[in-house]
């Protein structure tokens, strides 16, 4: 499988949308990329409600939502700020309403946030922005709020491995 995915991602003729849809976990979730706009500054992805994604209460499993939401901000930052290592540093999810329809993930990187990140990268060489986005029901009502913090570091960055500053021992 890994060899196949390496082949898929090396194909320049495949769009980013198709590569994301064919990524094995997302392919099994049956996602459909509705929009990748302005170099990943705007993203809309359909997460369908079906027999596998529906929990016993009849709404979308939270784990399905979390799995798709996790990499989106990091992928966007990797495209907007090339030449950096990028990963999800932390994520929180608030389920305001049950996802009883297909859900649409909507992510936007505001021009002001992009310029703030660029300024921080220029000044410090690194940035740790937080993005807020969500899932929306078929009627347009937001049902889930995502807060995702992304680490943008110089390529080749190695995380510090020192003990916590509090002096507490790690067992």
C-alpha atoms as a PDB file:
ATOM      1  CA  UNK A   1       0.000   0.000   0.000  1.00  0.00           C
ATOM      2  CA  UNK A   2       2.791   2.403   0.876  1.00  0.00           C
ATOM      3  CA  UNK A   3       4.448   1.808  -2.490  1.00  0.00           C
ATOM      4  CA  UNK A   4       1.147   2.525  -4.244  1.00  0.00           C
ATOM      5  CA  UNK A   5       0.651   5.762  -2.280  1.00  0.00           C
ATOM      6  CA  UNK A   6       4.205   6.844  -3.099  1.00  0.00           C
ATOM      7  CA  UNK A   7       3.409   6.297  -6.762  1.00  0.00           C
ATOM      8  CA  UNK A   8       0.120   8.229  -6.481  1.00  0.00           C
ATOM      9  CA  UNK A   9       1.694  11.225  -4.740  1.00  0.00           C
ATOM     10  CA  UNK A  10       4.549  11.350  -7.263  1.00  0.00           C
ATOM     11  CA  UNK A  11       2.108  11.806 -10.172  1.00  0.00           C
ATOM     12  CA  UNK A  12       2.166  15.467 -11.130  1.00  0.00           C
ATOM     13  CA  UNK A  13      -0.902  15.064 -13.324  1.00  0.00           C
ATOM     14  CA  UNK A  14      -3.081  14.204 -10.302  1.00  0.00           C
ATOM     15  CA  UNK A  15      -4.610  17.203  -8.592  1.00  0.00           C
ATOM     16  CA  UNK A  16      -4.182  17.804  -4.865  1.00  0.00           C
ATOM     17  CA  UNK A  17      -7.923  17.198  -4.536  1.00  0.00           C
ATOM     18  CA  UNK A  18      -7.685  13.754  -6.132  1.00  0.00           C
ATOM     19  CA  UNK A  19      -4.597  12.847  -4.061  1.00  0.00           C
ATOM     20  CA  UNK A  20      -6.476  13.756  -0.879  1.00  0.00           C
ATOM     21  CA  UNK A  21      -9.542  11.753  -1.929  1.00  0.00           C
ATOM     22  CA  UNK A  22      -7.371   8.723  -2.764  1.00  0.00           C
ATOM     23  CA  UNK A  23      -5.421   8.806   0.514  1.00  0.00           C
ATOM     24  CA  UNK A  24      -6.471   5.404   1.965  1.00  0.00           C
ATOM     25  CA  UNK A  25      -8.164   6.547   5.210  1.00  0.00           C
ATOM     26  CA  UNK A  26     -10.021   9.307   3.369  1.00  0.00           C
ATOM     27  CA  UNK A  27     -10.903   7.035   0.451  1.00  0.00           C
ATOM     28  CA  UNK A  28     -12.515   4.625   2.925  1.00  0.00           C
ATOM     29  CA  UNK A  29     -14.392   7.564   4.454  1.00  0.00           C
ATOM     30  CA  UNK A  30     -15.620   8.445   0.922  1.00  0.00           C
ATOM     31  CA  UNK A  31     -14.700  12.124   1.157  1.00  0.00           C
ATOM     32  CA  UNK A  32     -15.116  14.406  -1.841  1.00  0.00           C
ATOM     33  CA  UNK A  33     -13.094  17.581  -2.231  1.00  0.00           C
ATOM     34  CA  UNK A  34     -15.528  20.293  -3.260  1.00  0.00           C
ATOM     35  CA  UNK A  35     -13.027  23.134  -3.450  1.00  0.00           C
ATOM     36  CA  UNK A  36      -9.307  23.828  -3.047  1.00  0.00           C
ATOM     37  CA  UNK A  37      -8.997  27.512  -3.778  1.00  0.00           C
ATOM     38  CA  UNK A  38      -6.158  30.023  -3.885  1.00  0.00           C
ATOM     39  CA  UNK A  39      -3.391  27.520  -3.185  1.00  0.00           C
ATOM     40  CA  UNK A  40      -5.183  25.874  -0.234  1.00  0.00           C
ATOM     41  CA  UNK A  41      -6.285  29.151   1.383  1.00  0.00           C
ATOM     42  CA  UNK A  42      -9.884  27.979   1.015  1.00  0.00           C
ATOM     43  CA  UNK A  43     -10.897  24.345   1.426  1.00  0.00           C
ATOM     44  CA  UNK A  44     -14.303  22.654   1.303  1.00  0.00           C
ATOM     45  CA  UNK A  45     -14.607  18.879   1.721  1.00  0.00           C
ATOM     46  CA  UNK A  46     -17.746  16.736   1.851  1.00  0.00           C
ATOM     47  CA  UNK A  47     -17.757  14.069   4.570  1.00  0.00           C
ATOM     48  CA  UNK A  48     -20.747  11.836   3.823  1.00  0.00           C
ATOM     49  CA  UNK A  49     -22.992  10.319   6.464  1.00  0.00           C
ATOM     50  CA  UNK A  50     -23.404   6.623   5.681  1.00  0.00           C
ATOM     51  CA  UNK A  51     -23.713   3.283   7.464  1.00  0.00           C
ATOM     52  CA  UNK A  52     -20.058   3.207   8.539  1.00  0.00           C
ATOM     53  CA  UNK A  53     -19.790   6.863   9.648  1.00  0.00           C
ATOM     54  CA  UNK A  54     -23.103   6.884  11.570  1.00  0.00           C
ATOM     55  CA  UNK A  55     -22.938   6.179  15.301  1.00  0.00           C
ATOM     56  CA  UNK A  56     -25.725   4.376  17.211  1.00  0.00           C
ATOM     57  CA  UNK A  57     -27.365   7.753  17.865  1.00  0.00           C
ATOM     58  CA  UNK A  58     -27.773   8.297  14.120  1.00  0.00           C
ATOM     59  CA  UNK A  59     -25.224  11.097  13.744  1.00  0.00           C
ATOM     60  CA  UNK A  60     -21.641  11.287  12.426  1.00  0.00           C
ATOM     61  CA  UNK A  61     -18.995   9.676  14.622  1.00  0.00           C
ATOM     62  CA  UNK A  62     -16.740  12.344  16.124  1.00  0.00           C
ATOM     63  CA  UNK A  63     -13.701  10.282  15.163  1.00  0.00           C
ATOM     64  CA  UNK A  64     -14.580  10.596  11.474  1.00  0.00           C
ATOM     65  CA  UNK A  65     -14.728  14.353  11.860  1.00  0.00           C
ATOM     66  CA  UNK A  66     -11.474  14.515  13.833  1.00  0.00           C
ATOM     67  CA  UNK A  67      -9.597  12.301  11.358  1.00  0.00           C
ATOM     68  CA  UNK A  68     -10.397  14.539   8.420  1.00  0.00           C
ATOM     69  CA  UNK A  69     -10.026  17.847  10.297  1.00  0.00           C
ATOM     70  CA  UNK A  70      -6.598  16.989  11.753  1.00  0.00           C
ATOM     71  CA  UNK A  71      -4.314  17.459   8.717  1.00  0.00           C
ATOM     72  CA  UNK A  72      -6.200  20.164   6.804  1.00  0.00           C
ATOM     73  CA  UNK A  73      -4.637  23.259   8.436  1.00  0.00           C
ATOM     74  CA  UNK A  74      -1.150  21.696   8.276  1.00  0.00           C
ATOM     75  CA  UNK A  75      -1.584  20.764   4.609  1.00  0.00           C
ATOM     76  CA  UNK A  76      -2.736  24.301   3.844  1.00  0.00           C
ATOM     77  CA  UNK A  77       0.246  25.828   5.663  1.00  0.00           C
ATOM     78  CA  UNK A  78       2.647  23.461   3.887  1.00  0.00           C
ATOM     79  CA  UNK A  79       1.340  24.756   0.527  1.00  0.00           C
ATOM     80  CA  UNK A  80       1.181  28.436   1.502  1.00  0.00           C
ATOM     81  CA  UNK A  81       4.573  28.450   3.299  1.00  0.00           C
ATOM     82  CA  UNK A  82       6.757  26.051   1.280  1.00  0.00           C
ATOM     83  CA  UNK A  83      10.212  25.154   2.516  1.00  0.00           C
ATOM     84  CA  UNK A  84       9.075  24.555   6.098  1.00  0.00           C
ATOM     85  CA  UNK A  85       8.248  21.469   8.140  1.00  0.00           C
ATOM     86  CA  UNK A  86       4.604  21.656   9.161  1.00  0.00           C
ATOM     87  CA  UNK A  87       2.517  19.501  11.492  1.00  0.00           C
ATOM     88  CA  UNK A  88      -0.523  19.663  13.753  1.00  0.00           C
ATOM     89  CA  UNK A  89       0.581  20.711  17.224  1.00  0.00           C
ATOM     90  CA  UNK A  90      -2.830  20.413  18.880  1.00  0.00           C
ATOM     91  CA  UNK A  91      -6.501  20.235  18.053  1.00  0.00           C
ATOM     92  CA  UNK A  92      -9.737  20.625  19.965  1.00  0.00           C
ATOM     93  CA  UNK A  93     -13.246  19.859  18.792  1.00  0.00           C
ATOM     94  CA  UNK A  94     -16.573  21.122  20.089  1.00  0.00           C
ATOM     95  CA  UNK A  95     -19.659  19.266  18.951  1.00  0.00           C
ATOM     96  CA  UNK A  96     -22.436  21.879  19.058  1.00  0.00           C
ATOM     97  CA  UNK A  97     -25.044  19.811  17.188  1.00  0.00           C
ATOM     98  CA  UNK A  98     -25.306  16.235  15.992  1.00  0.00           C
ATOM     99  CA  UNK A  99     -24.112  15.691  12.434  1.00  0.00           C
ATOM    100  CA  UNK A 100     -27.312  14.123  11.109  1.00  0.00           C
ATOM    101  CA  UNK A 101     -26.600  14.937   7.420  1.00  0.00           C
ATOM    102  CA  UNK A 102     -23.565  14.821   5.175  1.00  0.00           C
ATOM    103  CA  UNK A 103     -21.085  17.320   6.619  1.00  0.00           C
ATOM    104  CA  UNK A 104     -19.044  19.947   4.845  1.00  0.00           C
ATOM    105  CA  UNK A 105     -15.671  20.879   6.313  1.00  0.00           C
ATOM    106  CA  UNK A 106     -14.901  24.551   5.638  1.00  0.00           C
ATOM    107  CA  UNK A 107     -11.410  25.944   6.171  1.00  0.00           C
ATOM    108  CA  UNK A 108     -10.290  29.501   5.354  1.00  0.00           C
ATOM    109  CA  UNK A 109      -6.916  31.162   5.834  1.00  0.00           C
ATOM    110  CA  UNK A 110      -7.642  34.881   6.076  1.00  0.00           C
ATOM    111  CA  UNK A 111      -5.209  37.234   4.300  1.00  0.00           C
ATOM    112  CA  UNK A 112      -4.547  38.988   7.620  1.00  0.00           C
ATOM    113  CA  UNK A 113      -3.643  35.688   9.317  1.00  0.00           C
ATOM    114  CA  UNK A 114      -1.386  34.750   6.399  1.00  0.00           C
ATOM    115  CA  UNK A 115       0.455  38.081   6.637  1.00  0.00           C
ATOM    116  CA  UNK A 116       0.813  37.698  10.432  1.00  0.00           C
ATOM    117  CA  UNK A 117       2.315  34.225   9.936  1.00  0.00           C
ATOM    118  CA  UNK A 118       4.688  35.536   7.246  1.00  0.00           C
ATOM    119  CA  UNK A 119       5.816  38.326   9.581  1.00  0.00           C
ATOM    120  CA  UNK A 120       6.424  35.865  12.414  1.00  0.00           C
ATOM    121  CA  UNK A 121       8.359  33.516  10.107  1.00  0.00           C
ATOM    122  CA  UNK A 122      10.509  36.448   8.939  1.00  0.00           C
ATOM    123  CA  UNK A 123      11.171  37.623  12.500  1.00  0.00           C
ATOM    124  CA  UNK A 124      11.553  34.310  14.343  1.00  0.00           C
ATOM    125  CA  UNK A 125      11.968  31.672  11.648  1.00  0.00           C
ATOM    126  CA  UNK A 126       9.005  29.769  13.073  1.00  0.00           C
ATOM    127  CA  UNK A 127       5.312  30.224  13.805  1.00  0.00           C
ATOM    128  CA  UNK A 128       2.579  28.397  15.716  1.00  0.00           C
ATOM    129  CA  UNK A 129      -0.738  29.771  14.433  1.00  0.00           C
ATOM    130  CA  UNK A 130      -4.182  28.564  15.496  1.00  0.00           C
ATOM    131  CA  UNK A 131      -6.959  28.195  12.952  1.00  0.00           C
ATOM    132  CA  UNK A 132     -10.663  27.931  13.650  1.00  0.00           C
ATOM    133  CA  UNK A 133     -12.869  26.147  11.153  1.00  0.00           C
ATOM    134  CA  UNK A 134     -15.776  23.753  11.237  1.00  0.00           C
ATOM    135  CA  UNK A 135     -18.225  21.248   9.872  1.00  0.00           C
ATOM    136  CA  UNK A 136     -21.575  22.366   8.535  1.00  0.00           C
ATOM    137  CA  UNK A 137     -24.859  20.501   8.094  1.00  0.00           C
ATOM    138  CA  UNK A 138     -26.633  20.373   4.734  1.00  0.00           C
ATOM    139  CA  UNK A 139     -28.726  23.432   5.738  1.00  0.00           C
ATOM    140  CA  UNK A 140     -25.555  25.497   6.389  1.00  0.00           C
ATOM    141  CA  UNK A 141     -25.690  25.334  10.202  1.00  0.00           C
ATOM    142  CA  UNK A 142     -22.316  24.827  11.874  1.00  0.00           C
ATOM    143  CA  UNK A 143     -22.435  21.671  13.973  1.00  0.00           C
ATOM    144  CA  UNK A 144     -18.762  21.220  14.923  1.00  0.00           C
ATOM    145  CA  UNK A 145     -16.071  23.779  15.746  1.00  0.00           C
ATOM    146  CA  UNK A 146     -12.414  22.879  15.189  1.00  0.00           C
ATOM    147  CA  UNK A 147      -9.474  24.751  16.744  1.00  0.00           C
ATOM    148  CA  UNK A 148      -6.238  23.514  15.219  1.00  0.00           C
ATOM    149  CA  UNK A 149      -2.773  24.759  16.156  1.00  0.00           C
ATOM    150  CA  UNK A 150      -0.064  24.164  13.577  1.00  0.00           C
ATOM    151  CA  UNK A 151       3.712  24.172  14.058  1.00  0.00           C
ATOM    152  CA  UNK A 152       5.584  25.767  11.151  1.00  0.00           C
ATOM    153  CA  UNK A 153       9.301  25.214  11.600  1.00  0.00           C
ATOM    154  CA  UNK A 154      12.446  25.470   9.467  1.00  0.00           C
ATOM    155  CA  UNK A 155      13.001  22.387   7.334  1.00  0.00           C
ATOM    156  CA  UNK A 156      15.100  19.876   9.289  1.00  0.00           C
ATOM    157  CA  UNK A 157      13.897  21.183  12.675  1.00  0.00           C
ATOM    158  CA  UNK A 158      14.514  18.739  15.526  1.00  0.00           C
ATOM    159  CA  UNK A 159      12.278  18.973  18.555  1.00  0.00           C
ATOM    160  CA  UNK A 160      13.944  19.656  21.906  1.00  0.00           C
ATOM    161  CA  UNK A 161      14.245  16.585  24.113  1.00  0.00           C
ATOM    162  CA  UNK A 162      14.910  18.222  27.482  1.00  0.00           C
ATOM    163  CA  UNK A 163      12.921  17.498  30.636  1.00  0.00           C
ATOM    164  CA  UNK A 164       9.967  19.726  31.508  1.00  0.00           C
ATOM    165  CA  UNK A 165      10.949  23.109  33.001  1.00  0.00           C
ATOM    166  CA  UNK A 166       8.954  22.466  36.176  1.00  0.00           C
ATOM    167  CA  UNK A 167      11.632  20.121  37.475  1.00  0.00           C
ATOM    168  CA  UNK A 168       9.131  17.269  37.777  1.00  0.00           C
ATOM    169  CA  UNK A 169      10.673  13.932  36.995  1.00  0.00           C
ATOM    170  CA  UNK A 170       9.358  11.981  34.066  1.00  0.00           C
ATOM    171  CA  UNK A 171       8.670   8.356  34.918  1.00  0.00           C
END
